[in-house]
Protein backbone atom coordinates (compact mmCIF):
# COMPACT_ATOMS: atom_id res chain seq x y z
CA MET A 1 25.74 33.30 13.92
CA LYS A 2 22.16 33.33 12.82
CA TYR A 3 20.17 32.81 9.67
CA ILE A 4 20.34 35.76 7.29
CA GLN A 5 18.41 35.87 4.02
CA LYS A 6 20.77 36.77 1.15
CA THR A 7 21.66 35.84 -2.40
CA LEU A 8 23.87 32.75 -2.33
CA THR A 9 27.03 32.08 -4.31
CA GLU A 10 27.48 28.78 -6.15
CA GLN A 11 29.72 27.52 -3.34
CA GLU A 12 27.11 28.47 -0.73
CA LEU A 13 24.36 26.77 -2.76
CA LEU A 14 26.43 23.59 -2.79
CA ALA A 15 26.88 23.83 0.99
CA VAL A 16 23.13 24.37 1.47
CA LYS A 17 22.34 21.26 -0.60
CA GLN A 18 24.89 19.19 1.33
CA ILE A 19 23.39 20.34 4.65
CA GLU A 20 19.87 19.53 3.43
CA GLN A 21 21.13 16.04 2.54
CA LYS A 22 22.62 15.63 6.02
CA LEU A 23 19.28 16.57 7.60
CA ALA A 24 17.55 13.95 5.43
CA LEU A 25 20.20 11.41 6.50
CA TYR A 26 19.50 12.30 10.13
CA CYS A 27 15.85 11.34 9.62
CA ARG A 28 16.90 8.11 7.91
CA ALA A 29 19.36 7.29 10.72
CA MET A 30 16.64 7.79 13.34
CA ASP A 31 14.00 5.71 11.54
CA GLU A 32 16.31 2.88 10.52
CA LYS A 33 18.08 2.95 13.89
CA ASP A 34 21.39 3.18 12.02
CA ASP A 35 23.94 4.02 14.70
CA ALA A 36 26.90 4.46 12.35
CA LEU A 37 24.97 6.85 10.12
CA GLY A 38 23.70 8.78 13.13
CA TYR A 39 27.18 9.11 14.64
CA SER A 40 28.58 10.32 11.30
CA LEU A 41 26.38 13.44 11.31
CA PHE A 42 27.87 15.09 14.41
CA THR A 43 31.30 16.36 15.44
CA GLU A 44 32.91 14.39 18.26
CA ASP A 45 32.53 17.36 20.60
CA SER A 46 29.00 18.24 19.49
CA ASN A 47 26.60 19.78 21.97
CA LEU A 48 22.90 18.92 21.68
CA ASP A 49 20.13 20.48 23.73
CA TYR A 50 16.71 18.87 23.37
CA GLY A 51 15.41 20.47 26.57
CA GLU A 52 13.91 17.93 28.98
CA ILE A 53 14.42 15.17 26.39
CA PHE A 54 18.24 15.16 26.21
CA ILE A 55 21.38 17.24 26.76
CA GLY A 56 24.76 15.86 25.68
CA ASN A 57 26.76 14.96 22.57
CA GLY A 58 25.59 13.55 19.26
CA ALA A 59 26.78 9.98 19.82
CA ALA A 60 25.04 9.75 23.20
CA PHE A 61 21.86 11.18 21.67
CA VAL A 62 21.88 8.59 18.87
CA ASP A 63 22.34 5.82 21.44
CA GLN A 64 19.48 7.08 23.64
CA ALA A 65 17.14 7.76 20.72
CA HIS A 66 17.68 4.33 19.19
CA VAL A 67 16.98 2.56 22.49
CA TYR A 68 13.76 4.58 22.86
CA HIS A 69 12.76 4.14 19.19
CA GLY A 70 13.36 0.41 19.53
CA THR A 71 10.36 0.25 21.87
CA LYS A 72 8.05 1.61 19.12
CA VAL A 73 6.37 -0.26 16.26
CA VAL A 74 7.15 2.51 13.74
CA THR A 75 8.96 5.85 13.83
CA LYS A 76 8.89 8.52 11.14
CA HIS A 77 11.07 11.64 11.23
CA GLN A 78 10.66 14.51 8.79
CA ILE A 79 12.50 17.83 8.56
CA THR A 80 11.07 20.65 6.44
CA ASN A 81 11.22 24.41 5.91
CA ILE A 82 15.03 24.32 5.96
CA LEU A 83 16.83 27.65 5.90
CA VAL A 84 20.65 27.77 5.80
CA SER A 85 23.20 30.58 6.03
CA VAL A 86 26.80 29.77 5.14
CA TYR A 87 29.80 31.60 6.61
CA GLY A 88 32.85 30.03 4.98
CA ASP A 89 33.50 26.73 6.78
CA LYS A 90 30.66 27.34 9.23
CA ALA A 91 26.91 27.46 8.69
CA VAL A 92 23.66 27.69 10.60
CA SER A 93 20.33 26.12 9.76
CA ILE A 94 16.84 26.42 11.13
CA SER A 95 14.16 23.91 10.28
CA ASP A 96 10.87 22.40 11.37
CA GLY A 97 10.63 18.79 12.43
CA ARG A 98 7.82 16.29 12.76
CA ILE A 99 8.38 13.07 14.63
CA THR A 100 5.70 10.38 14.55
CA LEU A 101 5.94 7.44 16.93
CA ILE A 102 3.47 4.58 16.66
CA ASN A 103 3.08 1.93 19.32
CA LYS A 104 0.60 -0.59 20.61
CA ASN A 105 0.02 -1.55 24.22
CA GLU A 106 -2.72 -3.24 26.24
CA ASP A 107 -5.03 -0.28 25.58
CA GLY A 108 -4.52 -0.47 21.79
CA TRP A 109 -2.72 1.71 19.30
CA TYR A 110 -1.44 5.18 20.00
CA VAL A 111 0.21 7.73 17.76
CA TRP A 112 2.43 10.46 19.15
CA ASP A 113 3.05 13.31 16.67
CA ALA A 114 5.53 15.92 17.87
CA TYR A 115 6.22 19.15 16.03
CA GLY A 116 9.27 21.22 16.81
CA ARG A 117 12.13 23.39 15.60
CA TYR A 118 15.79 22.62 15.07
CA SER A 119 18.50 25.26 15.26
CA ASP A 120 21.82 23.79 14.13
CA ASP A 121 25.39 25.06 13.91
CA TRP A 122 27.47 23.30 11.26
CA VAL A 123 31.21 23.04 10.57
CA TYR A 124 32.91 21.90 7.38
CA GLN A 125 35.38 19.26 8.52
CA ASP A 126 37.34 16.73 6.48
CA GLY A 127 35.27 17.43 3.36
CA GLU A 128 31.81 17.25 4.90
CA TRP A 129 29.32 19.30 6.88
CA LEU A 130 28.77 18.14 10.47
CA ILE A 131 26.46 19.35 13.22
CA SER A 132 28.49 20.89 16.05
CA ARG A 133 25.58 22.30 18.05
CA ARG A 134 21.86 21.59 17.99
CA LYS A 135 18.99 23.12 19.91
CA TYR A 136 15.60 21.46 19.54
CA ARG A 137 12.39 22.83 20.96
CA ARG A 138 9.07 21.03 20.75
CA ASP A 139 6.21 23.31 19.73
CA PHE A 140 3.48 20.80 20.56
CA ALA A 141 2.60 17.12 20.43
CA LEU A 142 -0.62 15.39 19.48
CA ILE A 143 -1.42 12.03 21.02
CA THR A 144 -4.17 10.04 19.37
CA LYS A 145 -5.59 6.58 19.92
CA PRO A 146 -6.83 5.31 16.56
CA GLU A 147 -8.95 2.20 16.48
CA ASN A 148 -6.63 0.58 13.95
CA ILE A 149 -3.50 1.32 11.93
CA VAL A 150 -2.49 -0.18 8.58
CA LEU A 151 1.28 -0.69 8.52
CA GLY A 152 3.42 -0.84 5.41
CA HIS A 153 5.06 -4.04 4.20
CA SER A 154 8.67 -2.82 4.26
CA PRO A 155 10.96 -4.35 6.87
CA LEU A 156 12.23 -0.81 7.39
CA ASP A 157 8.84 -0.03 8.92
CA ARG A 158 9.49 -2.39 11.83
């Protein structure tokens, strides 16, 4: 299946909105290091391919990502330009992602901004949309070393 531009029915529009919500929850799960939320977004037999970053199932990805993110001062995930095609109880989405990781080491602050593309297959299972397959490809990353960074006051930022 692939994305096809077409006029959507009311049922398809509802599915698109639910999938958009799941993508937003994915970002929240990554930034808040919420394992349970992260696990809930994937089928048990999901297949994720992040190239050299990770290949495996959704639960293992969440575990690995949260260990890695735990070494950073702040993480910020964003998914935009979401396009969804619905095929009954299956769907596909393509979207752009931006992942910002901020850390500080002996050399000072550094910011790693990665831009990439997600291609997801979805299944409607037990009343919700779940990712069954994901392919992520990084387009490019920018690494900067700012002199200083002003952090927010929310405990969610840490």
